[in-house]
N, C-alpha and C. Protein backbone atom coordinates (compact mmCIF):
# COMPACT_ATOMS: atom_id res chain seq x y z
N MET A 1 6.93 19.23 -10.75
CA MET A 1 5.94 18.61 -9.91
C MET A 1 5.66 17.16 -10.35
N VAL A 2 5.55 16.97 -11.65
CA VAL A 2 5.29 15.63 -12.17
C VAL A 2 6.46 14.70 -11.88
N GLU A 3 7.68 15.22 -12.04
CA GLU A 3 8.87 14.40 -11.78
C GLU A 3 8.93 13.98 -10.32
N ARG A 4 8.60 14.90 -9.43
CA ARG A 4 8.61 14.59 -7.99
C ARG A 4 7.57 13.53 -7.66
N LEU A 5 6.37 13.70 -8.20
CA LEU A 5 5.30 12.72 -7.97
C LEU A 5 5.68 11.36 -8.54
N THR A 6 6.32 11.36 -9.70
CA THR A 6 6.77 10.11 -10.31
C THR A 6 7.78 9.40 -9.41
N ARG A 7 8.75 10.16 -8.88
CA ARG A 7 9.75 9.57 -7.98
C ARG A 7 9.09 9.01 -6.73
N ILE A 8 8.11 9.72 -6.19
CA ILE A 8 7.40 9.24 -5.00
C ILE A 8 6.67 7.94 -5.31
N LEU A 9 5.95 7.92 -6.41
CA LEU A 9 5.20 6.71 -6.77
C LEU A 9 6.12 5.53 -7.06
N ILE A 10 7.26 5.78 -7.68
CA ILE A 10 8.22 4.70 -7.93
C ILE A 10 8.74 4.15 -6.60
N SER A 11 9.04 5.03 -5.67
CA SER A 11 9.51 4.60 -4.34
C SER A 11 8.44 3.80 -3.61
N VAL A 12 7.21 4.28 -3.65
CA VAL A 12 6.11 3.55 -3.00
C VAL A 12 5.94 2.18 -3.66
N GLY A 13 6.05 2.13 -4.97
CA GLY A 13 5.94 0.85 -5.68
C GLY A 13 7.01 -0.14 -5.26
N TRP A 14 8.25 0.34 -5.11
CA TRP A 14 9.34 -0.54 -4.67
C TRP A 14 9.09 -1.04 -3.25
N VAL A 15 8.63 -0.16 -2.37
CA VAL A 15 8.37 -0.57 -0.98
C VAL A 15 7.23 -1.59 -0.94
N LEU A 16 6.15 -1.32 -1.66
CA LEU A 16 5.03 -2.26 -1.67
C LEU A 16 5.42 -3.59 -2.33
N GLY A 17 6.19 -3.52 -3.40
CA GLY A 17 6.65 -4.75 -4.05
C GLY A 17 7.50 -5.59 -3.12
N ALA A 18 8.41 -4.93 -2.42
CA ALA A 18 9.25 -5.65 -1.45
C ALA A 18 8.40 -6.26 -0.34
N ALA A 19 7.38 -5.53 0.10
CA ALA A 19 6.50 -6.05 1.15
C ALA A 19 5.75 -7.29 0.67
N VAL A 20 5.24 -7.24 -0.55
CA VAL A 20 4.52 -8.39 -1.11
C VAL A 20 5.45 -9.60 -1.22
N ILE A 21 6.65 -9.37 -1.72
CA ILE A 21 7.61 -10.47 -1.89
C ILE A 21 7.98 -11.08 -0.54
N LEU A 22 8.35 -10.25 0.41
CA LEU A 22 8.77 -10.75 1.72
C LEU A 22 7.62 -11.42 2.46
N TYR A 23 6.44 -10.83 2.42
CA TYR A 23 5.29 -11.43 3.10
C TYR A 23 4.90 -12.75 2.45
N GLY A 24 4.97 -12.80 1.13
CA GLY A 24 4.64 -14.04 0.43
C GLY A 24 5.61 -15.16 0.78
N ILE A 25 6.89 -14.81 0.85
CA ILE A 25 7.89 -15.81 1.24
C ILE A 25 7.68 -16.24 2.68
N TRP A 26 7.39 -15.30 3.56
CA TRP A 26 7.14 -15.62 4.96
C TRP A 26 5.92 -16.54 5.10
N ARG A 27 4.83 -16.22 4.37
CA ARG A 27 3.63 -17.08 4.44
C ARG A 27 3.93 -18.48 3.92
N PHE A 28 4.72 -18.57 2.86
CA PHE A 28 5.09 -19.89 2.35
C PHE A 28 5.92 -20.63 3.39
N TRP A 29 6.88 -19.97 3.98
CA TRP A 29 7.75 -20.58 4.97
C TRP A 29 6.97 -21.04 6.19
N GLN A 30 6.04 -20.21 6.66
CA GLN A 30 5.29 -20.52 7.88
C GLN A 30 4.13 -21.49 7.65
N GLU A 31 3.42 -21.32 6.55
CA GLU A 31 2.17 -22.06 6.33
C GLU A 31 2.20 -22.99 5.13
N ARG A 32 3.32 -22.99 4.41
CA ARG A 32 3.46 -23.81 3.20
C ARG A 32 2.35 -23.51 2.18
N THR A 33 2.01 -22.22 2.04
CA THR A 33 1.00 -21.82 1.06
C THR A 33 1.70 -21.51 -0.26
N LEU A 34 1.52 -22.39 -1.21
CA LEU A 34 2.16 -22.24 -2.50
C LEU A 34 1.69 -20.97 -3.20
N ALA A 35 0.42 -20.61 -3.03
CA ALA A 35 -0.11 -19.41 -3.69
C ALA A 35 0.69 -18.17 -3.29
N ALA A 36 1.04 -18.03 -2.03
CA ALA A 36 1.81 -16.88 -1.57
C ALA A 36 3.19 -16.84 -2.23
N LEU A 37 3.81 -17.99 -2.37
CA LEU A 37 5.12 -18.05 -3.01
C LEU A 37 5.01 -17.70 -4.51
N LEU A 38 3.97 -18.18 -5.17
CA LEU A 38 3.79 -17.89 -6.58
C LEU A 38 3.55 -16.40 -6.82
N ILE A 39 2.79 -15.77 -5.95
CA ILE A 39 2.56 -14.32 -6.08
C ILE A 39 3.87 -13.58 -5.88
N SER A 40 4.65 -13.97 -4.89
CA SER A 40 5.95 -13.34 -4.67
C SER A 40 6.84 -13.49 -5.90
N LEU A 41 6.86 -14.67 -6.47
CA LEU A 41 7.66 -14.92 -7.66
C LEU A 41 7.18 -14.08 -8.84
N ALA A 42 5.87 -13.96 -8.99
CA ALA A 42 5.31 -13.15 -10.07
C ALA A 42 5.73 -11.69 -9.94
N VAL A 43 5.72 -11.18 -8.71
CA VAL A 43 6.13 -9.79 -8.49
C VAL A 43 7.61 -9.61 -8.78
N VAL A 44 8.43 -10.56 -8.39
CA VAL A 44 9.86 -10.49 -8.69
C VAL A 44 10.07 -10.46 -10.20
N ILE A 45 9.35 -11.29 -10.94
CA ILE A 45 9.53 -11.36 -12.39
C ILE A 45 9.05 -10.09 -13.08
N ALA A 46 7.90 -9.57 -12.66
CA ALA A 46 7.34 -8.39 -13.31
C ALA A 46 7.99 -7.09 -12.83
N GLY A 47 8.76 -7.16 -11.77
CA GLY A 47 9.39 -5.96 -11.22
C GLY A 47 10.88 -5.94 -11.44
N PRO A 48 11.64 -6.30 -10.41
CA PRO A 48 13.10 -6.15 -10.51
C PRO A 48 13.77 -7.02 -11.58
N LEU A 49 13.27 -8.22 -11.81
CA LEU A 49 13.89 -9.05 -12.84
C LEU A 49 13.68 -8.44 -14.22
N GLU A 50 12.46 -8.00 -14.49
CA GLU A 50 12.19 -7.36 -15.78
C GLU A 50 13.05 -6.10 -15.96
N ASP A 51 13.15 -5.28 -14.94
CA ASP A 51 13.99 -4.08 -15.01
C ASP A 51 15.44 -4.44 -15.29
N ALA A 52 15.94 -5.46 -14.61
CA ALA A 52 17.33 -5.86 -14.80
C ALA A 52 17.56 -6.42 -16.21
N LEU A 53 16.63 -7.22 -16.70
CA LEU A 53 16.77 -7.77 -18.05
C LEU A 53 16.72 -6.67 -19.11
N LYS A 54 15.83 -5.70 -18.94
CA LYS A 54 15.75 -4.60 -19.90
C LYS A 54 17.05 -3.80 -19.89
N ALA A 55 17.57 -3.52 -18.71
CA ALA A 55 18.83 -2.78 -18.62
C ALA A 55 19.97 -3.55 -19.26
N TRP A 56 20.00 -4.87 -19.06
CA TRP A 56 21.04 -5.71 -19.64
C TRP A 56 20.95 -5.71 -21.17
N VAL A 57 19.72 -5.84 -21.69
CA VAL A 57 19.52 -5.85 -23.14
C VAL A 57 19.96 -4.51 -23.73
N ARG A 58 19.61 -3.41 -23.09
CA ARG A 58 20.02 -2.10 -23.59
C ARG A 58 21.54 -1.95 -23.58
N ARG A 59 22.17 -2.47 -22.53
CA ARG A 59 23.63 -2.36 -22.40
C ARG A 59 24.35 -3.26 -23.40
N VAL A 60 23.91 -4.49 -23.51
CA VAL A 60 24.58 -5.45 -24.39
C VAL A 60 24.36 -5.12 -25.85
N ARG A 61 23.17 -4.74 -26.18
CA ARG A 61 22.86 -4.46 -27.59
C ARG A 61 23.08 -3.00 -27.95
N HIS A 62 23.50 -2.20 -26.97
CA HIS A 62 23.75 -0.78 -27.19
C HIS A 62 22.52 -0.08 -27.78
N LEU A 63 21.37 -0.45 -27.23
CA LEU A 63 20.11 0.12 -27.70
C LEU A 63 19.49 0.96 -26.59
N GLY A 64 18.69 1.89 -26.97
CA GLY A 64 17.98 2.70 -26.00
C GLY A 64 16.50 2.71 -26.33
N GLY A 65 15.72 3.24 -25.44
CA GLY A 65 14.28 3.35 -25.68
C GLY A 65 13.60 2.01 -25.76
N GLU A 66 12.60 1.96 -26.61
CA GLU A 66 11.80 0.74 -26.75
C GLU A 66 12.27 -0.07 -27.97
N ALA A 67 13.47 -0.55 -27.91
CA ALA A 67 14.01 -1.38 -28.98
C ALA A 67 13.25 -2.71 -29.02
N PRO A 68 13.28 -3.40 -30.15
CA PRO A 68 12.58 -4.69 -30.25
C PRO A 68 12.98 -5.69 -29.18
N ALA A 69 14.25 -5.75 -28.83
CA ALA A 69 14.68 -6.71 -27.80
C ALA A 69 14.11 -6.35 -26.44
N VAL A 70 13.98 -5.06 -26.15
CA VAL A 70 13.39 -4.63 -24.88
C VAL A 70 11.90 -4.99 -24.86
N GLY A 71 11.25 -4.83 -25.99
CA GLY A 71 9.84 -5.23 -26.10
C GLY A 71 9.66 -6.73 -25.90
N LEU A 72 10.62 -7.50 -26.40
CA LEU A 72 10.57 -8.95 -26.21
C LEU A 72 10.68 -9.31 -24.73
N VAL A 73 11.59 -8.66 -24.03
CA VAL A 73 11.72 -8.90 -22.58
C VAL A 73 10.42 -8.55 -21.88
N ASP A 74 9.83 -7.42 -22.23
CA ASP A 74 8.58 -6.98 -21.63
C ASP A 74 7.47 -8.00 -21.87
N ALA A 75 7.34 -8.47 -23.10
CA ALA A 75 6.30 -9.44 -23.43
C ALA A 75 6.52 -10.77 -22.73
N ALA A 76 7.76 -11.23 -22.70
CA ALA A 76 8.06 -12.52 -22.07
C ALA A 76 7.80 -12.49 -20.57
N THR A 77 8.23 -11.42 -19.90
CA THR A 77 8.00 -11.35 -18.45
C THR A 77 6.51 -11.19 -18.15
N SER A 78 5.78 -10.52 -19.01
CA SER A 78 4.33 -10.40 -18.82
C SER A 78 3.65 -11.76 -18.91
N VAL A 79 4.07 -12.57 -19.89
CA VAL A 79 3.49 -13.90 -20.05
C VAL A 79 3.78 -14.77 -18.82
N VAL A 80 5.01 -14.76 -18.35
CA VAL A 80 5.36 -15.56 -17.17
C VAL A 80 4.58 -15.06 -15.94
N PHE A 81 4.48 -13.75 -15.79
CA PHE A 81 3.71 -13.15 -14.69
C PHE A 81 2.27 -13.67 -14.72
N LEU A 82 1.64 -13.64 -15.88
CA LEU A 82 0.25 -14.09 -15.99
C LEU A 82 0.10 -15.59 -15.79
N ILE A 83 1.06 -16.37 -16.24
CA ILE A 83 1.02 -17.82 -15.99
C ILE A 83 1.07 -18.09 -14.49
N LEU A 84 1.95 -17.40 -13.78
CA LEU A 84 2.05 -17.60 -12.33
C LEU A 84 0.76 -17.18 -11.62
N LEU A 85 0.16 -16.09 -12.06
CA LEU A 85 -1.11 -15.68 -11.44
C LEU A 85 -2.23 -16.66 -11.77
N LEU A 86 -2.26 -17.17 -12.98
CA LEU A 86 -3.26 -18.19 -13.34
C LEU A 86 -3.07 -19.44 -12.49
N TRP A 87 -1.84 -19.86 -12.30
CA TRP A 87 -1.53 -21.01 -11.45
C TRP A 87 -2.01 -20.74 -10.03
N THR A 88 -1.77 -19.53 -9.54
CA THR A 88 -2.22 -19.16 -8.19
C THR A 88 -3.73 -19.24 -8.08
N ILE A 89 -4.44 -18.71 -9.06
CA ILE A 89 -5.91 -18.76 -9.03
C ILE A 89 -6.40 -20.19 -9.06
N SER A 90 -5.71 -21.05 -9.81
CA SER A 90 -6.14 -22.45 -9.89
C SER A 90 -6.02 -23.17 -8.54
N LEU A 91 -5.19 -22.64 -7.65
CA LEU A 91 -5.03 -23.26 -6.33
C LEU A 91 -6.11 -22.87 -5.33
N LEU A 92 -6.88 -21.83 -5.67
CA LEU A 92 -7.91 -21.36 -4.75
C LEU A 92 -9.03 -22.39 -4.64
N PRO A 93 -9.61 -22.50 -3.45
CA PRO A 93 -10.69 -23.48 -3.27
C PRO A 93 -11.96 -23.07 -4.01
């Protein structure tokens, strides 16, 4: 039951993440709202880019689990995510 719920939530997360990214890009394209583009970029960094980097580090370094290099990727993407959100907040009136 837990595994099924986890798969459902992961799928919902991917769909919502894709929606945020696409809508943010569309808003930037249509209205030139930098905040929407920054939020889209933050979601890309904290989602699929982070996942891809972690997978790459595990593959290249032949490590599994929470190896130090994977933790470094997690910390670095979190910092960039927060910088982009801070930048977005600074643009608000």
